[in-house]
Amino acid sequence: MEQWQQLQPGEFWRMLSEGKLDPALIIDVREPEEWEYYHIKGSTPMPLSSFQDTWERLPQDNPVYIICAHGVRSQAVCRYLNEKGYGSLVNVVGGMAAVSHFDGFQYD
């Protein structure tokens, strides 16, 4: 059973644009070359390939917003963190492909 929230890309972008979301709490689990291609300014890169070594650095006192390219890896990360007992997780549905167009960027 899922123990995290699913946030639609439009709502995510609205919260970010209105300053209701700290960019540092956006955890981008894409790989470095994907990060270089496009990322949300101020977000935190934590590539999936090394995530098992870095996840314990996540803040415990705030919700974290997990994002990837299309929403598949972020969903897996939410499941992994949930199994580790981590709470306050939010998966960004559709990932950067869905979010980037709100920024005027065409993510391929």
PDB file of N, CA and C in Angstrom:
ATOM      1  N   MET A   1       0.835  -1.191   0.000  1.00  0.00           N
ATOM      2  CA  MET A   1       0.000   0.000   0.000  1.00  0.00           C
ATOM      3  C   MET A   1       0.876   1.250   0.000  1.00  0.00           C
ATOM      4  N   GLU A   2       0.557   2.185  -0.889  1.00  0.00           N
ATOM      5  CA  GLU A   2       1.346   3.409  -0.993  1.00  0.00           C
ATOM      6  C   GLU A   2       1.195   4.266   0.257  1.00  0.00           C
ATOM      7  N   GLN A   3       2.306   4.739   0.748  1.00  0.00           N
ATOM      8  CA  GLN A   3       2.322   5.617   1.915  1.00  0.00           C
ATOM      9  C   GLN A   3       2.947   6.958   1.549  1.00  0.00           C
ATOM     10  N   TRP A   4       2.666   7.425   0.344  1.00  0.00           N
ATOM     11  CA  TRP A   4       3.186   8.705  -0.107  1.00  0.00           C
ATOM     12  C   TRP A   4       2.128   9.361  -0.980  1.00  0.00           C
ATOM     13  N   GLN A   5       2.307  10.635  -1.187  1.00  0.00           N
ATOM     14  CA  GLN A   5       1.363  11.397  -2.001  1.00  0.00           C
ATOM     15  C   GLN A   5       1.781  11.368  -3.462  1.00  0.00           C
ATOM     16  N   GLN A   6       0.802  11.510  -4.325  1.00  0.00           N
ATOM     17  CA  GLN A   6       1.038  11.666  -5.760  1.00  0.00           C
ATOM     18  C   GLN A   6       0.645  13.101  -6.099  1.00  0.00           C
ATOM     19  N   LEU A   7       1.586  13.861  -6.629  1.00  0.00           N
ATOM     20  CA  LEU A   7       1.327  15.264  -6.956  1.00  0.00           C
ATOM     21  C   LEU A   7       1.360  15.454  -8.465  1.00  0.00           C
ATOM     22  N   GLN A   8       0.284  16.004  -8.997  1.00  0.00           N
ATOM     23  CA  GLN A   8       0.200  16.242 -10.437  1.00  0.00           C
ATOM     24  C   GLN A   8       1.166  17.355 -10.839  1.00  0.00           C
ATOM     25  N   PRO A   9       1.710  17.307 -12.062  1.00  0.00           N
ATOM     26  CA  PRO A   9       2.729  18.272 -12.476  1.00  0.00           C
ATOM     27  C   PRO A   9       2.271  19.729 -12.435  1.00  0.00           C
ATOM     28  N   GLY A  10       1.039  19.993 -12.797  1.00  0.00           N
ATOM     29  CA  GLY A  10       0.548  21.370 -12.764  1.00  0.00           C
ATOM     30  C   GLY A  10       0.504  21.929 -11.355  1.00  0.00           C
ATOM     31  N   GLU A  11       0.057  21.124 -10.415  1.00  0.00           N
ATOM     32  CA  GLU A  11       0.008  21.544  -9.014  1.00  0.00           C
ATOM     33  C   GLU A  11       1.420  21.737  -8.465  1.00  0.00           C
ATOM     34  N   PHE A  12       2.324  20.830  -8.819  1.00  0.00           N
ATOM     35  CA  PHE A  12       3.729  20.958  -8.418  1.00  0.00           C
ATOM     36  C   PHE A  12       4.301  22.281  -8.919  1.00  0.00           C
ATOM     37  N   TRP A  13       4.090  22.588 -10.193  1.00  0.00           N
ATOM     38  CA  TRP A  13       4.641  23.816 -10.770  1.00  0.00           C
ATOM     39  C   TRP A  13       4.003  25.052 -10.133  1.00  0.00           C
ATOM     40  N   ARG A  14       2.709  24.983  -9.867  1.00  0.00           N
ATOM     41  CA  ARG A  14       2.033  26.120  -9.218  1.00  0.00           C
ATOM     42  C   ARG A  14       2.633  26.372  -7.842  1.00  0.00           C
ATOM     43  N   MET A  15       2.817  25.322  -7.053  1.00  0.00           N
ATOM     44  CA  MET A  15       3.398  25.474  -5.717  1.00  0.00           C
ATOM     45  C   MET A  15       4.805  26.051  -5.795  1.00  0.00           C
ATOM     46  N   LEU A  16       5.590  25.560  -6.744  1.00  0.00           N
ATOM     47  CA  LEU A  16       6.958  26.054  -6.922  1.00  0.00           C
ATOM     48  C   LEU A  16       6.946  27.525  -7.334  1.00  0.00           C
ATOM     49  N   SER A  17       6.122  27.871  -8.297  1.00  0.00           N
ATOM     50  CA  SER A  17       6.038  29.248  -8.807  1.00  0.00           C
ATOM     51  C   SER A  17       5.556  30.234  -7.764  1.00  0.00           C
ATOM     52  N   GLU A  18       4.685  29.773  -6.882  1.00  0.00           N
ATOM     53  CA  GLU A  18       4.134  30.654  -5.849  1.00  0.00           C
ATOM     54  C   GLU A  18       5.000  30.689  -4.595  1.00  0.00           C
ATOM     55  N   GLY A  19       6.149  30.026  -4.614  1.00  0.00           N
ATOM     56  CA  GLY A  19       7.052  30.032  -3.472  1.00  0.00           C
ATOM     57  C   GLY A  19       6.583  29.179  -2.310  1.00  0.00           C
ATOM     58  N   LYS A  20       5.669  28.250  -2.573  1.00  0.00           N
ATOM     59  CA  LYS A  20       5.142  27.380  -1.514  1.00  0.00           C
ATOM     60  C   LYS A  20       5.931  26.082  -1.397  1.00  0.00           C
ATOM     61  N   LEU A  21       6.987  25.977  -2.179  1.00  0.00           N
ATOM     62  CA  LEU A  21       7.789  24.763  -2.219  1.00  0.00           C
ATOM     63  C   LEU A  21       9.256  25.158  -2.245  1.00  0.00           C
ATOM     64  N   ASP A  22      10.014  24.710  -1.268  1.00  0.00           N
ATOM     65  CA  ASP A  22      11.447  24.975  -1.207  1.00  0.00           C
ATOM     66  C   ASP A  22      12.146  24.106  -2.249  1.00  0.00           C
ATOM     67  N   PRO A  23      12.807  24.705  -3.243  1.00  0.00           N
ATOM     68  CA  PRO A  23      13.468  23.904  -4.271  1.00  0.00           C
ATOM     69  C   PRO A  23      14.459  22.885  -3.710  1.00  0.00           C
ATOM     70  N   ALA A  24      15.071  23.168  -2.580  1.00  0.00           N
ATOM     71  CA  ALA A  24      16.029  22.237  -1.987  1.00  0.00           C
ATOM     72  C   ALA A  24      15.361  20.929  -1.559  1.00  0.00           C
ATOM     73  N   LEU A  25      14.047  20.947  -1.404  1.00  0.00           N
ATOM     74  CA  LEU A  25      13.313  19.735  -1.017  1.00  0.00           C
ATOM     75  C   LEU A  25      12.858  18.918  -2.226  1.00  0.00           C
ATOM     76  N   ILE A  26      13.218  19.380  -3.433  1.00  0.00           N
ATOM     77  CA  ILE A  26      12.951  18.624  -4.658  1.00  0.00           C
ATOM     78  C   ILE A  26      14.157  17.719  -4.886  1.00  0.00           C
ATOM     79  N   ILE A  27      13.938  16.431  -4.777  1.00  0.00           N
ATOM     80  CA  ILE A  27      15.013  15.451  -4.920  1.00  0.00           C
ATOM     81  C   ILE A  27      14.915  14.849  -6.319  1.00  0.00           C
ATOM     82  N   ASP A  28      15.912  15.150  -7.137  1.00  0.00           N
ATOM     83  CA  ASP A  28      15.943  14.714  -8.531  1.00  0.00           C
ATOM     84  C   ASP A  28      16.795  13.453  -8.623  1.00  0.00           C
ATOM     85  N   VAL A  29      16.158  12.325  -8.935  1.00  0.00           N
ATOM     86  CA  VAL A  29      16.866  11.039  -8.927  1.00  0.00           C
ATOM     87  C   VAL A  29      17.365  10.628 -10.312  1.00  0.00           C
ATOM     88  N   ARG A  30      17.335  11.546 -11.260  1.00  0.00           N
ATOM     89  CA  ARG A  30      17.884  11.247 -12.585  1.00  0.00           C
ATOM     90  C   ARG A  30      19.416  11.228 -12.515  1.00  0.00           C
ATOM     91  N   GLU A  31      20.020  10.705 -13.553  1.00  0.00           N
ATOM     92  CA  GLU A  31      21.477  10.605 -13.623  1.00  0.00           C
ATOM     93  C   GLU A  31      22.082  11.951 -14.027  1.00  0.00           C
ATOM     94  N   PRO A  32      23.388  12.158 -13.764  1.00  0.00           N
ATOM     95  CA  PRO A  32      24.020  13.472 -14.004  1.00  0.00           C
ATOM     96  C   PRO A  32      23.801  14.044 -15.401  1.00  0.00           C
ATOM     97  N   GLU A  33      23.866  13.224 -16.441  1.00  0.00           N
ATOM     98  CA  GLU A  33      23.680  13.760 -17.795  1.00  0.00           C
ATOM     99  C   GLU A  33      22.245  14.243 -18.001  1.00  0.00           C
ATOM    100  N   GLU A  34      21.292  13.609 -17.356  1.00  0.00           N
ATOM    101  CA  GLU A  34      19.902  14.061 -17.434  1.00  0.00           C
ATOM    102  C   GLU A  34      19.735  15.377 -16.677  1.00  0.00           C
ATOM    103  N   TRP A  35      20.405  15.485 -15.543  1.00  0.00           N
ATOM    104  CA  TRP A  35      20.379  16.700 -14.720  1.00  0.00           C
ATOM    105  C   TRP A  35      20.929  17.883 -15.522  1.00  0.00           C
ATOM    106  N   GLU A  36      22.034  17.649 -16.233  1.00  0.00           N
ATOM    107  CA  GLU A  36      22.642  18.720 -17.035  1.00  0.00           C
ATOM    108  C   GLU A  36      21.720  19.175 -18.154  1.00  0.00           C
ATOM    109  N   TYR A  37      20.970  18.257 -18.712  1.00  0.00           N
ATOM    110  CA  TYR A  37      20.062  18.563 -19.809  1.00  0.00           C
ATOM    111  C   TYR A  37      18.988  19.561 -19.368  1.00  0.00           C
ATOM    112  N   TYR A  38      18.397  19.325 -18.224  1.00  0.00           N
ATOM    113  CA  TYR A  38      17.368  20.224 -17.681  1.00  0.00           C
ATOM    114  C   TYR A  38      17.145  19.855 -16.222  1.00  0.00           C
ATOM    115  N   HIS A  39      17.070  20.874 -15.384  1.00  0.00           N
ATOM    116  CA  HIS A  39      16.709  20.636 -13.985  1.00  0.00           C
ATOM    117  C   HIS A  39      16.061  21.889 -13.407  1.00  0.00           C
ATOM    118  N   ILE A  40      15.431  21.706 -12.292  1.00  0.00           N
ATOM    119  CA  ILE A  40      14.803  22.820 -11.588  1.00  0.00           C
ATOM    120  C   ILE A  40      15.854  23.476 -10.720  1.00  0.00           C
ATOM    121  N   LYS A  41      16.033  24.766 -10.925  1.00  0.00           N
ATOM    122  CA  LYS A  41      17.044  25.514 -10.186  1.00  0.00           C
ATOM    123  C   LYS A  41      16.837  25.361  -8.680  1.00  0.00           C
ATOM    124  N   GLY A  42      17.905  24.993  -7.997  1.00  0.00           N
ATOM    125  CA  GLY A  42      17.870  24.848  -6.552  1.00  0.00           C
ATOM    126  C   GLY A  42      17.500  23.459  -6.078  1.00  0.00           C
ATOM    127  N   SER A  43      17.101  22.575  -7.012  1.00  0.00           N
ATOM    128  CA  SER A  43      16.739  21.219  -6.605  1.00  0.00           C
ATOM    129  C   SER A  43      17.995  20.419  -6.260  1.00  0.00           C
ATOM    130  N   THR A  44      17.795  19.301  -5.596  1.00  0.00           N
ATOM    131  CA  THR A  44      18.902  18.488  -5.094  1.00  0.00           C
ATOM    132  C   THR A  44      19.073  17.237  -5.942  1.00  0.00           C
ATOM    133  N   PRO A  45      20.213  17.105  -6.635  1.00  0.00           N
ATOM    134  CA  PRO A  45      20.438  15.884  -7.403  1.00  0.00           C
ATOM    135  C   PRO A  45      20.876  14.733  -6.493  1.00  0.00           C
ATOM    136  N   MET A  46      20.201  13.613  -6.615  1.00  0.00           N
ATOM    137  CA  MET A  46      20.557  12.378  -5.900  1.00  0.00           C
ATOM    138  C   MET A  46      20.324  11.224  -6.858  1.00  0.00           C
ATOM    139  N   PRO A  47      21.254  10.995  -7.794  1.00  0.00           N
ATOM    140  CA  PRO A  47      21.051   9.987  -8.837  1.00  0.00           C
ATOM    141  C   PRO A  47      20.679   8.616  -8.282  1.00  0.00           C
ATOM    142  N   LEU A  48      19.764   7.967  -8.986  1.00  0.00           N
ATOM    143  CA  LEU A  48      19.304   6.651  -8.560  1.00  0.00           C
ATOM    144  C   LEU A  48      20.463   5.663  -8.463  1.00  0.00           C
ATOM    145  N   SER A  49      21.460   5.800  -9.340  1.00  0.00           N
ATOM    146  CA  SER A  49      22.583   4.861  -9.352  1.00  0.00           C
ATOM    147  C   SER A  49      23.375   4.856  -8.042  1.00  0.00           C
ATOM    148  N   SER A  50      23.305   5.942  -7.291  1.00  0.00           N
ATOM    149  CA  SER A  50      24.007   5.993  -5.999  1.00  0.00           C
ATOM    150  C   SER A  50      23.060   6.289  -4.836  1.00  0.00           C
ATOM    151  N   PHE A  51      21.763   6.154  -5.075  1.00  0.00           N
ATOM    152  CA  PHE A  51      20.772   6.550  -4.084  1.00  0.00           C
ATOM    153  C   PHE A  51      20.873   5.765  -2.783  1.00  0.00           C
ATOM    154  N   GLN A  52      21.204   4.478  -2.873  1.00  0.00           N
ATOM    155  CA  GLN A  52      21.317   3.669  -1.650  1.00  0.00           C
ATOM    156  C   GLN A  52      22.407   4.199  -0.725  1.00  0.00           C
ATOM    157  N   ASP A  53      23.373   4.930  -1.279  1.00  0.00           N
ATOM    158  CA  ASP A  53      24.455   5.490  -0.475  1.00  0.00           C
ATOM    159  C   ASP A  53      24.153   6.895   0.034  1.00  0.00           C
ATOM    160  N   THR A  54      23.119   7.529  -0.497  1.00  0.00           N
ATOM    161  CA  THR A  54      22.877   8.942  -0.166  1.00  0.00           C
ATOM    162  C   THR A  54      21.532   9.232   0.489  1.00  0.00           C
ATOM    163  N   TRP A  55      20.586   8.298   0.456  1.00  0.00           N
ATOM    164  CA  TRP A  55      19.218   8.597   0.895  1.00  0.00           C
ATOM    165  C   TRP A  55      19.132   9.052   2.345  1.00  0.00           C
ATOM    166  N   GLU A  56      20.059   8.619   3.185  1.00  0.00           N
ATOM    167  CA  GLU A  56      19.975   8.991   4.601  1.00  0.00           C
ATOM    168  C   GLU A  56      20.251  10.475   4.833  1.00  0.00           C
ATOM    169  N   ARG A  57      20.706  11.188   3.817  1.00  0.00           N
ATOM    170  CA  ARG A  57      20.922  12.643   3.913  1.00  0.00           C
ATOM    171  C   ARG A  57      19.627  13.441   3.774  1.00  0.00           C
ATOM    172  N   LEU A  58      18.554  12.771   3.379  1.00  0.00           N
ATOM    173  CA  LEU A  58      17.288  13.479   3.180  1.00  0.00           C
ATOM    174  C   LEU A  58      16.784  14.058   4.498  1.00  0.00           C
ATOM    175  N   PRO A  59      16.215  15.261   4.437  1.00  0.00           N
ATOM    176  CA  PRO A  59      15.682  15.859   5.661  1.00  0.00           C
ATOM    177  C   PRO A  59      14.504  15.053   6.195  1.00  0.00           C
ATOM    178  N   GLN A  60      14.423  14.940   7.499  1.00  0.00           N
ATOM    179  CA  GLN A  60      13.347  14.186   8.141  1.00  0.00           C
ATOM    180  C   GLN A  60      12.196  15.087   8.590  1.00  0.00           C
ATOM    181  N   ASP A  61      12.425  16.390   8.643  1.00  0.00           N
ATOM    182  CA  ASP A  61      11.439  17.299   9.222  1.00  0.00           C
ATOM    183  C   ASP A  61      10.564  18.020   8.197  1.00  0.00           C
ATOM    184  N   ASN A  62      10.730  17.708   6.914  1.00  0.00           N
ATOM    185  CA  ASN A  62       9.940  18.325   5.853  1.00  0.00           C
ATOM    186  C   ASN A  62       9.563  17.276   4.818  1.00  0.00           C
ATOM    187  N   PRO A  63       8.457  17.501   4.115  1.00  0.00           N
ATOM    188  CA  PRO A  63       8.161  16.608   2.995  1.00  0.00           C
ATOM    189  C   PRO A  63       9.235  16.764   1.919  1.00  0.00           C
ATOM    190  N   VAL A  64       9.546  15.691   1.226  1.00  0.00           N
ATOM    191  CA  VAL A  64      10.452  15.770   0.085  1.00  0.00           C
ATOM    192  C   VAL A  64       9.683  15.371  -1.165  1.00  0.00           C
ATOM    193  N   TYR A  65      10.005  16.048  -2.254  1.00  0.00           N
ATOM    194  CA  TYR A  65       9.340  15.874  -3.538  1.00  0.00           C
ATOM    195  C   TYR A  65      10.302  15.130  -4.450  1.00  0.00           C
ATOM    196  N   ILE A  66       9.955  13.902  -4.801  1.00  0.00           N
ATOM    197  CA  ILE A  66      10.831  13.047  -5.588  1.00  0.00           C
ATOM    198  C   ILE A  66      10.427  13.157  -7.057  1.00  0.00           C
ATOM    199  N   ILE A  67      11.428  13.436  -7.922  1.00  0.00           N
ATOM    200  CA  ILE A  67      11.154  13.601  -9.352  1.00  0.00           C
ATOM    201  C   ILE A  67      12.233  12.897 -10.165  1.00  0.00           C
ATOM    202  N   CYS A  68      11.822  12.412 -11.334  1.00  0.00           N
ATOM    203  CA  CYS A  68      12.760  11.806 -12.288  1.00  0.00           C
ATOM    204  C   CYS A  68      12.348  12.293 -13.683  1.00  0.00           C
ATOM    205  N   ALA A  69      12.627  11.524 -14.706  1.00  0.00           N
ATOM    206  CA  ALA A  69      12.287  11.952 -16.063  1.00  0.00           C
ATOM    207  C   ALA A  69      10.802  11.787 -16.388  1.00  0.00           C
ATOM    208  N   HIS A  70      10.239  10.622 -16.035  1.00  0.00           N
ATOM    209  CA  HIS A  70       8.853  10.335 -16.406  1.00  0.00           C
ATOM    210  C   HIS A  70       7.988   9.822 -15.259  1.00  0.00           C
ATOM    211  N   GLY A  71       8.564   9.677 -14.078  1.00  0.00           N
ATOM    212  CA  GLY A  71       7.793   9.260 -12.916  1.00  0.00           C
ATOM    213  C   GLY A  71       7.970   7.822 -12.493  1.00  0.00           C
ATOM    214  N   VAL A  72       8.726   7.036 -13.244  1.00  0.00           N
ATOM    215  CA  VAL A  72       8.902   5.629 -12.914  1.00  0.00           C
ATOM    216  C   VAL A  72       9.945   5.459 -11.803  1.00  0.00           C
ATOM    217  N   ARG A  73      11.108   6.065 -11.981  1.00  0.00           N
ATOM    218  CA  ARG A  73      12.159   5.949 -10.962  1.00  0.00           C
ATOM    219  C   ARG A  73      11.752   6.631  -9.665  1.00  0.00           C
ATOM    220  N   SER A  74      11.073   7.765  -9.774  1.00  0.00           N
ATOM    221  CA  SER A  74      10.652   8.465  -8.554  1.00  0.00           C
ATOM    222  C   SER A  74       9.660   7.624  -7.755  1.00  0.00           C
ATOM    223  N   GLN A  75       8.793   6.911  -8.454  1.00  0.00           N
ATOM    224  CA  GLN A  75       7.840   6.015  -7.785  1.00  0.00           C
ATOM    225  C   GLN A  75       8.601   4.909  -7.052  1.00  0.00           C
ATOM    226  N   ALA A  76       9.634   4.353  -7.709  1.00  0.00           N
ATOM    227  CA  ALA A  76      10.441   3.302  -7.082  1.00  0.00           C
ATOM    228  C   ALA A  76      11.185   3.842  -5.864  1.00  0.00           C
ATOM    229  N   VAL A  77      11.670   5.081  -5.936  1.00  0.00           N
ATOM    230  CA  VAL A  77      12.365   5.695  -4.809  1.00  0.00           C
ATOM    231  C   VAL A  77      11.397   5.921  -3.653  1.00  0.00           C
ATOM    232  N   CYS A  78      10.186   6.357  -3.947  1.00  0.00           N
ATOM    233  CA  CYS A  78       9.190   6.519  -2.881  1.00  0.00           C
ATOM    234  C   CYS A  78       8.919   5.188  -2.198  1.00  0.00           C
ATOM    235  N   ARG A  79       8.800   4.123  -2.976  1.00  0.00           N
ATOM    236  CA  ARG A  79       8.578   2.791  -2.409  1.00  0.00           C
ATOM    237  C   ARG A  79       9.762   2.389  -1.525  1.00  0.00           C
ATOM    238  N   TYR A  80      10.977   2.605  -2.015  1.00  0.00           N
ATOM    239  CA  TYR A  80      12.194   2.269  -1.269  1.00  0.00           C
ATOM    240  C   TYR A  80      12.251   3.034   0.056  1.00  0.00           C
ATOM    241  N   LEU A  81      12.019   4.346  -0.006  1.00  0.00           N
ATOM    242  CA  LEU A  81      12.080   5.170   1.208  1.00  0.00           C
ATOM    243  C   LEU A  81      10.969   4.804   2.184  1.00  0.00           C
ATOM    244  N   ASN A  82       9.803   4.484   1.648  1.00  0.00           N
ATOM    245  CA  ASN A  82       8.699   4.062   2.499  1.00  0.00           C
ATOM    246  C   ASN A  82       9.045   2.775   3.239  1.00  0.00           C
ATOM    247  N   GLU A  83       9.696   1.844   2.554  1.00  0.00           N
ATOM    248  CA  GLU A  83      10.127   0.596   3.194  1.00  0.00           C
ATOM    249  C   GLU A  83      11.175   0.842   4.272  1.00  0.00           C
ATOM    250  N   LYS A  84      11.929   1.930   4.120  1.00  0.00           N
ATOM    251  CA  LYS A  84      12.941   2.300   5.116  1.00  0.00           C
ATOM    252  C   LYS A  84      12.325   3.069   6.284  1.00  0.00           C
ATOM    253  N   GLY A  85      11.007   3.286   6.229  1.00  0.00           N
ATOM    254  CA  GLY A  85      10.325   3.980   7.314  1.00  0.00           C
ATOM    255  C   GLY A  85      10.257   5.484   7.160  1.00  0.00           C
ATOM    256  N   TYR A  86      10.647   5.966   6.006  1.00  0.00           N
ATOM    257  CA  TYR A  86      10.636   7.412   5.774  1.00  0.00           C
ATOM    258  C   TYR A  86       9.217   7.868   5.484  1.00  0.00           C
ATOM    259  N   GLY A  87       8.815   8.993   6.070  1.00  0.00           N
ATOM    260  CA  GLY A  87       7.490   9.549   5.830  1.00  0.00           C
ATOM    261  C   GLY A  87       7.592  10.829   5.031  1.00  0.00           C
ATOM    262  N   SER A  88       6.498  11.494   4.831  1.00  0.00           N
ATOM    263  CA  SER A  88       6.439  12.791   4.153  1.00  0.00           C
ATOM    264  C   SER A  88       7.039  12.751   2.756  1.00  0.00           C
ATOM    265  N   LEU A  89       6.617  11.782   1.968  1.00  0.00           N
ATOM    266  CA  LEU A  89       7.101  11.628   0.607  1.00  0.00           C
ATOM    267  C   LEU A  89       6.051  12.081  -0.390  1.00  0.00           C
ATOM    268  N   VAL A  90       6.517  12.745  -1.455  1.00  0.00           N
ATOM    269  CA  VAL A  90       5.625  13.180  -2.521  1.00  0.00           C
ATOM    270  C   VAL A  90       6.265  12.801  -3.852  1.00  0.00           C
ATOM    271  N   ASN A  91       5.559  12.001  -4.635  1.00  0.00           N
ATOM    272  CA  ASN A  91       6.014  11.632  -5.970  1.00  0.00           C
ATOM    273  C   ASN A  91       5.424  12.617  -6.974  1.00  0.00           C
ATOM    274  N   VAL A  92       6.279  13.205  -7.824  1.00  0.00           N
ATOM    275  CA  VAL A  92       5.805  14.120  -8.865  1.00  0.00           C
ATOM    276  C   VAL A  92       5.438  13.278 -10.082  1.00  0.00           C
ATOM    277  N   VAL A  93       4.145  13.172 -10.336  1.00  0.00           N
ATOM    278  CA  VAL A  93       3.608  12.343 -11.412  1.00  0.00           C
ATOM    279  C   VAL A  93       4.077  12.873 -12.770  1.00  0.00           C
ATOM    280  N   GLY A  94       4.576  11.962 -13.608  1.00  0.00           N
ATOM    281  CA  GLY A  94       4.992  12.342 -14.957  1.00  0.00           C
ATOM    282  C   GLY A  94       6.397  12.899 -15.054  1.00  0.00           C
ATOM    283  N   GLY A  95       7.015  13.206 -13.926  1.00  0.00           N
ATOM    284  CA  GLY A  95       8.397  13.661 -13.888  1.00  0.00           C
ATOM    285  C   GLY A  95       8.669  14.932 -14.671  1.00  0.00           C
ATOM    286  N   MET A  96       9.940  15.111 -15.018  1.00  0.00           N
ATOM    287  CA  MET A  96      10.375  16.317 -15.726  1.00  0.00           C
ATOM    288  C   MET A  96       9.700  16.466 -17.081  1.00  0.00           C
ATOM    289  N   ALA A  97       9.396  15.354 -17.738  1.00  0.00           N
ATOM    290  CA  ALA A  97       8.725  15.428 -19.031  1.00  0.00           C
ATOM    291  C   ALA A  97       7.390  16.153 -18.906  1.00  0.00           C
ATOM    292  N   ALA A  98       6.702  15.951 -17.795  1.00  0.00           N
ATOM    293  CA  ALA A  98       5.405  16.593 -17.577  1.00  0.00           C
ATOM    294  C   ALA A  98       5.541  17.997 -16.998  1.00  0.00           C
ATOM    295  N   VAL A  99       6.557  18.210 -16.175  1.00  0.00           N
ATOM    296  CA  VAL A  99       6.730  19.490 -15.480  1.00  0.00           C
ATOM    297  C   VAL A  99       7.379  20.549 -16.358  1.00  0.00           C
ATOM    298  N   SER A 100       8.345  20.149 -17.171  1.00  0.00           N
ATOM    299  CA  SER A 100       9.184  21.122 -17.896  1.00  0.00           C
ATOM    300  C   SER A 100       8.402  22.029 -18.833  1.00  0.00           C
ATOM    301  N   HIS A 101       7.316  21.546 -19.400  1.00  0.00           N
ATOM    302  CA  HIS A 101       6.582  22.412 -20.331  1.00  0.00           C
ATOM    303  C   HIS A 101       5.957  23.625 -19.639  1.00  0.00           C
ATOM    304  N   PHE A 102       5.744  23.550 -18.319  1.00  0.00           N
ATOM    305  CA  PHE A 102       5.254  24.719 -17.587  1.00  0.00           C
ATOM    306  C   PHE A 102       6.320  25.801 -17.537  1.00  0.00           C
ATOM    307  N   ASP A 103       7.568  25.394 -17.766  1.00  0.00           N
ATOM    308  CA  ASP A 103       8.719  26.306 -17.791  1.00  0.00           C
ATOM    309  C   ASP A 103       9.075  26.691 -19.230  1.00  0.00           C
ATOM    310  N   GLY A 104       8.267  26.241 -20.181  1.00  0.00           N
ATOM    311  CA  GLY A 104       8.529  26.539 -21.582  1.00  0.00           C
ATOM    312  C   GLY A 104       9.635  25.687 -22.188  1.00  0.00           C
ATOM    313  N   PHE A 105       9.916  24.542 -21.590  1.00  0.00           N
ATOM    314  CA  PHE A 105      10.990  23.666 -22.060  1.00  0.00           C
ATOM    315  C   PHE A 105      10.385  22.381 -22.583  1.00  0.00           C
ATOM    316  N   GLN A 106      10.843  21.941 -23.758  1.00  0.00           N
ATOM    317  CA  GLN A 106      10.374  20.675 -24.328  1.00  0.00           C
ATOM    318  C   GLN A 106      11.350  19.578 -23.941  1.00  0.00           C
ATOM    319  N   TYR A 107      10.949  18.732 -22.997  1.00  0.00           N
ATOM    320  CA  TYR A 107      11.793  17.637 -22.521  1.00  0.00           C
ATOM    321  C   TYR A 107      11.548  16.418 -23.399  1.00  0.00           C
ATOM    322  N   ASP A 108      12.596  15.883 -23.989  1.00  0.00           N
ATOM    323  CA  ASP A 108      12.446  14.727 -24.883  1.00  0.00           C
ATOM    324  C   ASP A 108      12.634  13.443 -24.147  1.00  0.00           C
TER     325      ASP A 108
END
